[in-house]
Amino acid sequence: MMDEVGKGGAVPVGRGANMTAKILVVDDVAMNVKLLSDLLTVKGYTTVTAASGAEALAKLESECPDMVLLDVMMPGMSGYEVCAAIRANPAHAMLPVVLVTALDPAKERAKGLEAGADDFLTKPLNQAELLARVKSLLRIKSLYDEVTRQKDELAQWNRTLEQRVAEGVEQLEKVGRLKRFFSPQLAEAIVAGGTDDPLKSHRREITVVFLDLRGFTAFTETADPEEVMGVLGEYHAAMGRLILSHEGTLERFTGDGIMVFFNDPVRVADPAPRAARMVIEMQREMVQLAAGWGKRGYDLQMGAGIAQGFATIGGIGFEGRIDYGAIGIVTNLAARLCGEAKGGEVLLAQRVRAALDDAAFRTEPAGELTLKGFARPVAAFRLLAGSHKQTPGRPKFA
């Protein structure tokens, strides 16, 4: 029974920012239920009621209240038994339960606490005390709910992060495997997706570089296979490092021959100047390599040809083995210019020469060359290295 209907108040404690707390009132005496329910409703709370322990447990599942005001003396299940049943469910471990009784509080309080109650009120109830206890326990419940929400949110973030990390690792592994066969740019374009398939045939203007070692055939005829492979390993490592640093696409290694192109699959604003800078650095690197090889009796120099034009580019091969290749007159022209270049010389097609800034690159005419596969003589230009003095016919990059 409630004897004191007073002046105390409570600020409603919500389930969330805009939700009112719901309180389950359990008592077998209808008048007690109505008095408690009316008081709590006036103070801004939502109430649901039950007249027995069994009904209370059913309402607990269907209504999901934020707090339970539970009478101790009820037929069937006592308040202690109902409280114990509530605590037996892990989902309700932190649900505030307040036991209400007219029995001797000194004797009953211990029983209530053992049953799992959070607080204990004696009848007749004092309104101010009741509302203060309700407000306090609901505040604790609200904080617990917020911690639980944040914990769940953190767990979800962790799952998302783990998934993204796993996807990132998988992507890195894919890129790593693809880099064994394709250039880094192409490998990353294949894995990234979201755009046109880079292996699908397409037309694009590219700058093509062909490289070849002079004296290599004679070298292989006299050197042991181990020596040949050792020289090729040094040559490929040095040239490959420069290809990657200039973001060129390596089409293939063919023994001492190397084909590189620029502006595909990743577009660049300066394919011709980029190719020229790369080859100048390569010839300078070759000076060091050739000096070392010379001490071992190997006379090797590198010739290079650069051409620019449109080509058909895409995957070439069969299932299980695909190369990324460029086909067109521009690749033939670069290869033929390379074939004409002497050791230490870089020959340019006219379109490449036109794309180079005179202030940044020095060139000189190399005459018109009659090249296999071309009906007319082709104008060629010689790329000179910086401001270093050149030996006619055999420029030195040092």
Foldseek 3Di string as FASTA:
>chain_A
DADDDDDAAAAFQALDPPHGAEEEEEALDPVVSVVVCVSVVVRPHHYDYYNDLVRSVVCCVVVVGQEYEAEQDHPDDGSLRSLLVQCVDVVNVLRAYEYEEQDDCVVCVVSNVVSPHPYYAYPNGHSNVVNVVVNVSSVVSSVVSVVVVVVVVVVVVVVVVVVVVVVVVVLVVQLVVVVVFWPSVLSNCCSVDPDPNQQDKDKDKKKKKKKAKPQLVVVVVPDDPVVLVVLQVVLCVLLVVLCVVLVWIWQDDDRRMTMTMACPPPGDPQGLVSVLVSVLVSLLVVVVSQVVVVVVPGRMFMFMEMFIDMWIWHWDDDPPDTTTDTDDVRNVRRVQNRVVADGQWYKYFPVSVVSDDVVVWDKAWPAFDDTPPDPDTTTIIITARDPDDQDPRHGHRD
